[in-house]
Amino acid sequence: MSTNILDRQLAAQVLAFLKVEAPRPTLPALEKLLAAYYRTVPWESIFRIVRRAEDPTPRWPEQFWREAMTQGAGGTCFESNYAFFALLQTLGYDGYLTINNMGESIGCHTAVVIVVDGQKWLADVGIPLYALLPISSQGVMYRSSPFLHYAVRPDGHSTYQIERWPHPKRNAFTLIDESVDEDTYRAATAADYGEHGLFLDFVIINKVIHNEPWRFNMAERPYALNRFEWDQRFDTVLEGDVATAVAEHFGLETAVVQRAFALTQHNFPNQELSAFSG
């Protein structure tokens, strides 16, 4: 039996936080959970940066959800998908965790696969994907969200290319549709705080706010809030106390954001590094 289950009281608090009821596991209910997640919990590196400086160990689901509810926290793929999967398992959903590739980067991205009425669905809050995507070895599967179109393209045994458009990086990642046991997943999550951990050297955050995708990326100059509308990007340049402006815009605890800035802003002092754009 999986140990990645939330306490029932905590699960109820999380559902209230997400403003979602918990009926029996169905596809429409799962879609509501996914949409509530990406509109409430950011994809962000801030809390991991501070965590690594103070106690370089993972924030497991209970801590992840409590920080989300009290401090506006989120995470990157390993912690985010593990926490979301814990909620889904607590609610009775059947599925498994996967560890996947992005281009030449092996084992750098995770995702959740949920089975509903015999059909596999990719549920990934670690990018995030803005829609549940059907998985089939029989051919390319398409789905759309309010923000992007998606395709799941078979590419060999248990392997699929996850595509999105319009987006400057059409290939999101390569799904390796194989269940990963919890010990392996937890070890990979812990390793993501190590020397080769991702997104620990700069502040980046994505969140849907008022039904619009927003982002801040410290690696780009000038500092700006980025709003996306299909294939268009609109920038609001930030001046002065950027950390506080980012905290207020995305709803994160200001002191944590300021600490993350202090730990990382020296890494990209004078150059624009758009290659880090998410």
Protein backbone atom coordinates (compact mmCIF):
# COMPACT_ATOMS: atom_id res chain seq x y z
CA MET A 1 0.00 0.00 0.00
CA SER A 2 1.28 3.47 -0.83
CA THR A 3 2.53 5.61 2.03
CA ASN A 4 1.90 8.74 0.00
CA ILE A 5 -1.51 9.43 1.53
CA LEU A 6 -2.66 12.60 3.26
CA ASP A 7 -4.32 12.67 6.64
CA ARG A 8 -8.07 12.98 6.05
CA GLN A 9 -8.28 16.26 7.95
CA LEU A 10 -5.42 17.73 5.93
CA ALA A 11 -7.01 16.49 2.70
CA ALA A 12 -10.24 18.26 3.63
CA GLN A 13 -8.30 21.46 4.31
CA VAL A 14 -6.55 21.17 0.94
CA LEU A 15 -9.85 20.71 -0.88
CA ALA A 16 -11.26 23.78 0.88
CA PHE A 17 -8.12 25.68 -0.11
CA LEU A 18 -8.58 24.61 -3.73
CA LYS A 19 -12.33 25.33 -3.48
CA VAL A 20 -13.17 21.90 -4.87
CA GLU A 21 -15.54 19.27 -3.53
CA ALA A 22 -14.46 15.62 -3.43
CA PRO A 23 -16.99 13.39 -5.16
CA ARG A 24 -16.09 9.88 -6.25
CA PRO A 25 -13.15 9.64 -8.68
CA THR A 26 -14.33 10.62 -12.16
CA LEU A 27 -12.77 12.35 -15.14
CA PRO A 28 -14.77 15.60 -14.66
CA ALA A 29 -13.79 15.67 -10.98
CA LEU A 30 -10.14 15.14 -11.88
CA GLU A 31 -10.32 17.96 -14.43
CA LYS A 32 -11.68 20.28 -11.75
CA LEU A 33 -8.89 19.32 -9.38
CA LEU A 34 -6.23 19.99 -11.99
CA ALA A 35 -7.70 23.37 -12.94
CA ALA A 36 -8.07 24.36 -9.29
CA TYR A 37 -4.45 23.40 -8.64
CA TYR A 38 -2.83 25.49 -11.37
CA ARG A 39 -5.01 28.47 -10.50
CA THR A 40 -4.10 28.24 -6.81
CA VAL A 41 -0.65 26.69 -6.41
CA PRO A 42 2.25 28.24 -8.35
CA TRP A 43 5.04 26.44 -10.14
CA GLU A 44 8.01 28.12 -8.49
CA SER A 45 11.59 27.74 -7.35
CA ILE A 46 11.47 30.22 -4.46
CA PHE A 47 10.64 27.96 -1.55
CA ARG A 48 13.10 25.30 -2.74
CA ILE A 49 15.90 27.87 -2.95
CA VAL A 50 15.29 28.95 0.63
CA ARG A 51 14.79 25.35 1.79
CA ARG A 52 18.10 24.31 0.28
CA ALA A 53 19.92 27.12 2.08
CA GLU A 54 18.38 26.27 5.45
CA ASP A 55 17.75 22.51 5.35
CA PRO A 56 18.49 20.82 1.99
CA THR A 57 15.87 18.09 2.27
CA PRO A 58 12.61 17.69 0.33
CA ARG A 59 9.30 19.18 1.37
CA TRP A 60 7.14 16.07 1.43
CA PRO A 61 3.40 16.35 0.71
CA GLU A 62 2.21 17.36 4.18
CA GLN A 63 4.71 20.21 4.42
CA PHE A 64 4.17 21.14 0.77
CA TRP A 65 0.42 21.55 1.25
CA ARG A 66 0.70 23.40 4.57
CA GLU A 67 3.14 25.90 3.04
CA ALA A 68 0.85 26.30 0.03
CA MET A 69 -2.10 27.07 2.27
CA THR A 70 -0.30 29.41 4.68
CA GLN A 71 2.49 31.01 2.61
CA GLY A 72 1.37 30.77 -1.01
CA ALA A 73 4.10 28.26 -1.80
CA GLY A 74 4.33 25.86 -4.70
CA GLY A 75 7.25 23.91 -6.11
CA THR A 76 8.87 22.38 -9.15
CA CYS A 77 8.01 19.01 -10.63
CA PHE A 78 9.32 16.45 -8.11
CA GLU A 79 7.63 17.95 -5.05
CA SER A 80 4.57 19.35 -6.84
CA ASN A 81 3.56 16.15 -8.60
CA TYR A 82 4.24 14.07 -5.48
CA ALA A 83 1.99 16.34 -3.40
CA PHE A 84 -0.76 16.35 -6.05
CA PHE A 85 -0.54 12.56 -6.36
CA ALA A 86 -0.86 12.24 -2.57
CA LEU A 87 -4.10 14.21 -2.72
CA LEU A 88 -5.41 12.11 -5.62
CA GLN A 89 -4.59 8.84 -3.88
CA THR A 90 -6.28 10.04 -0.71
CA LEU A 91 -9.40 10.76 -2.79
CA GLY A 92 -9.38 7.24 -4.25
CA TYR A 93 -7.77 7.78 -7.67
CA ASP A 94 -5.71 4.96 -9.16
CA GLY A 95 -2.44 5.80 -10.88
CA TYR A 96 1.32 6.03 -10.65
CA LEU A 97 4.30 8.35 -10.78
CA THR A 98 6.71 8.63 -13.72
CA ILE A 99 10.18 10.11 -14.19
CA ASN A 100 10.79 11.49 -17.67
CA ASN A 101 13.20 13.25 -19.99
CA MET A 102 13.49 16.70 -21.54
CA GLY A 103 15.62 16.57 -24.66
CA GLU A 104 19.06 15.37 -23.62
CA SER A 105 18.28 15.85 -19.93
CA ILE A 106 17.49 12.39 -18.58
CA GLY A 107 15.28 11.85 -15.57
CA CYS A 108 14.74 15.56 -14.99
CA HIS A 109 10.95 15.78 -15.09
CA THR A 110 8.14 13.94 -13.34
CA ALA A 111 4.46 13.46 -14.11
CA VAL A 112 1.43 11.59 -12.78
CA VAL A 113 -0.59 9.07 -14.77
CA ILE A 114 -4.14 8.43 -13.56
CA VAL A 115 -6.41 5.64 -14.81
CA VAL A 116 -10.12 6.45 -15.06
CA ASP A 117 -12.53 3.87 -16.53
CA GLY A 118 -9.62 2.00 -18.11
CA GLN A 119 -8.16 5.06 -19.87
CA LYS A 120 -4.78 6.52 -18.91
CA TRP A 121 -4.61 10.28 -18.40
CA LEU A 122 -1.47 12.36 -18.01
CA ALA A 123 -1.89 14.78 -15.10
CA ASP A 124 1.16 16.99 -14.72
CA VAL A 125 1.25 19.96 -12.34
CA GLY A 126 5.03 20.06 -12.60
CA ILE A 127 5.14 22.22 -15.77
CA PRO A 128 2.15 22.54 -15.47
CA LEU A 129 0.02 21.07 -18.24
CA TYR A 130 -3.26 22.94 -18.37
CA ALA A 131 -5.28 19.89 -19.43
CA LEU A 132 -5.52 16.18 -18.74
CA LEU A 133 -4.02 14.39 -21.73
CA PRO A 134 -5.16 10.94 -22.91
CA ILE A 135 -2.40 8.37 -23.46
CA SER A 136 -2.74 5.78 -26.22
CA SER A 137 -0.18 3.67 -28.05
CA GLN A 138 -2.58 3.46 -31.01
CA GLY A 139 -1.97 6.98 -32.32
CA VAL A 140 -1.59 10.67 -31.61
CA MET A 141 -4.07 12.04 -29.07
CA TYR A 142 -5.05 15.71 -29.04
CA ARG A 143 -6.59 17.95 -26.38
CA SER A 144 -6.93 21.67 -25.76
CA SER A 145 -6.93 23.93 -22.71
CA PRO A 146 -7.91 27.59 -22.34
CA PHE A 147 -4.25 28.47 -22.88
CA LEU A 148 -2.56 25.88 -25.14
CA HIS A 149 -3.23 22.97 -27.49
CA TYR A 150 -1.60 19.61 -26.73
CA ALA A 151 -0.65 16.38 -28.46
CA VAL A 152 0.53 13.05 -27.03
CA ARG A 153 2.58 11.39 -29.76
CA PRO A 154 3.68 7.71 -29.44
CA ASP A 155 7.43 7.38 -29.93
CA GLY A 156 8.41 3.79 -29.19
CA HIS A 157 7.67 1.35 -26.39
CA SER A 158 6.02 3.16 -23.46
CA THR A 159 7.43 6.44 -24.77
CA TYR A 160 5.48 9.53 -25.86
CA GLN A 161 6.37 13.03 -26.96
CA ILE A 162 4.27 15.62 -25.15
CA GLU A 163 3.75 18.63 -27.40
CA ARG A 164 2.12 22.04 -26.87
CA TRP A 165 1.39 25.02 -29.08
CA PRO A 166 1.51 27.92 -29.57
CA HIS A 167 4.64 27.86 -27.39
CA PRO A 168 8.28 28.70 -28.15
CA LYS A 169 9.25 25.19 -26.97
CA ARG A 170 6.75 22.92 -28.70
CA ASN A 171 8.14 19.72 -27.18
CA ALA A 172 7.36 19.86 -23.46
CA PHE A 173 8.99 16.56 -22.52
CA THR A 174 9.30 12.86 -23.30
CA LEU A 175 6.93 10.76 -21.21
CA ILE A 176 8.30 7.40 -20.11
CA ASP A 177 5.05 5.66 -19.27
CA GLU A 178 6.44 3.32 -16.63
CA SER A 179 5.50 3.31 -12.97
CA VAL A 180 8.24 4.46 -10.61
CA ASP A 181 8.21 3.01 -7.10
CA GLU A 182 8.08 5.43 -4.19
CA ASP A 183 11.61 4.73 -2.92
CA THR A 184 13.04 5.60 -6.33
CA TYR A 185 10.86 8.68 -6.65
CA ARG A 186 11.73 9.93 -3.17
CA ALA A 187 15.45 9.37 -3.79
CA ALA A 188 15.23 11.38 -7.02
CA THR A 189 13.36 14.14 -5.18
CA ALA A 190 16.09 14.29 -2.54
CA ALA A 191 18.78 14.34 -5.25
CA ASP A 192 17.06 17.37 -6.81
CA TYR A 193 18.32 19.35 -3.80
CA GLY A 194 21.90 18.29 -4.53
CA GLU A 195 24.69 19.66 -6.70
CA HIS A 196 22.80 19.02 -9.93
CA GLY A 197 19.37 20.09 -8.69
CA LEU A 198 17.32 22.16 -11.11
CA PHE A 199 15.99 25.72 -10.67
CA LEU A 200 17.98 26.34 -7.49
CA ASP A 201 20.12 29.20 -8.79
CA PHE A 202 17.46 31.67 -9.90
CA VAL A 203 13.94 32.74 -9.03
CA ILE A 204 11.24 31.68 -11.47
CA ILE A 205 7.50 31.40 -10.96
CA ASN A 206 4.42 30.61 -13.08
CA LYS A 207 0.80 30.88 -12.01
CA VAL A 208 -2.59 31.41 -13.62
CA ILE A 209 -4.05 34.61 -12.14
CA HIS A 210 -7.54 35.82 -13.08
CA ASN A 211 -7.55 33.20 -15.84
CA GLU A 212 -4.30 34.49 -17.39
CA PRO A 213 -0.90 32.73 -17.30
CA TRP A 214 1.74 34.92 -15.60
CA ARG A 215 5.44 34.40 -15.05
CA PHE A 216 8.48 36.03 -13.50
CA ASN A 217 11.96 34.88 -14.51
CA MET A 218 14.97 36.35 -12.70
CA ALA A 219 17.27 35.20 -15.52
CA GLU A 220 15.75 37.72 -17.92
CA ARG A 221 16.52 41.44 -17.97
CA PRO A 222 14.97 43.84 -17.41
CA TYR A 223 13.03 42.34 -14.53
CA ALA A 224 9.39 42.07 -15.62
CA LEU A 225 6.12 40.31 -15.00
CA ASN A 226 5.22 38.34 -18.14
CA ARG A 227 1.61 37.73 -19.13
CA PHE A 228 0.81 35.25 -21.90
CA GLU A 229 -2.12 35.16 -24.28
CA TRP A 230 -1.74 32.28 -26.73
CA ASP A 231 1.21 33.31 -28.94
CA GLN A 232 1.56 36.79 -27.46
CA ARG A 233 3.58 37.94 -24.47
CA PHE A 234 3.04 41.19 -22.59
CA ASP A 235 5.68 42.51 -20.18
CA THR A 236 5.27 44.79 -17.20
CA VAL A 237 8.73 46.04 -16.26
CA LEU A 238 9.51 46.03 -12.54
CA GLU A 239 11.66 48.60 -10.79
CA GLY A 240 12.53 49.26 -7.17
CA ASP A 241 11.72 46.47 -4.71
CA VAL A 242 11.25 43.67 -7.24
CA ALA A 243 11.08 40.88 -4.66
CA THR A 244 8.15 42.49 -2.88
CA ALA A 245 6.38 43.18 -6.17
CA VAL A 246 6.76 39.52 -7.19
CA ALA A 247 5.53 38.31 -3.79
CA GLU A 248 2.46 40.52 -3.92
CA HIS A 249 1.59 39.71 -7.52
CA PHE A 250 1.80 35.94 -7.09
CA GLY A 251 0.55 35.79 -3.51
CA LEU A 252 3.66 34.43 -1.80
CA GLU A 253 4.99 35.31 1.64
CA THR A 254 7.15 38.38 1.09
CA ALA A 255 9.97 37.43 3.49
CA VAL A 256 10.54 34.11 1.70
CA VAL A 257 10.70 35.78 -1.71
CA GLN A 258 13.12 38.41 -0.43
CA ARG A 259 15.32 35.66 1.01
CA ALA A 260 15.32 33.77 -2.31
CA PHE A 261 16.31 36.95 -4.17
CA ALA A 262 19.14 37.59 -1.73
CA LEU A 263 20.43 34.05 -2.25
CA THR A 264 20.37 34.11 -6.05
CA GLN A 265 20.25 37.55 -7.68
CA HIS A 266 24.04 37.71 -7.96
CA ASN A 267 24.01 34.74 -10.38
CA PHE A 268 22.90 36.80 -13.40
CA PRO A 269 24.11 40.33 -12.70
CA ASN A 270 24.32 41.95 -16.11
CA GLN A 271 23.13 39.66 -18.87
CA GLU A 272 19.81 38.58 -20.30
CA LEU A 273 19.49 34.79 -20.30
CA SER A 274 16.27 33.93 -22.07
CA ALA A 275 17.37 30.31 -22.44
CA PHE A 276 16.05 29.73 -18.95
CA SER A 277 12.51 30.77 -19.90
CA GLY A 278 9.88 28.26 -18.83
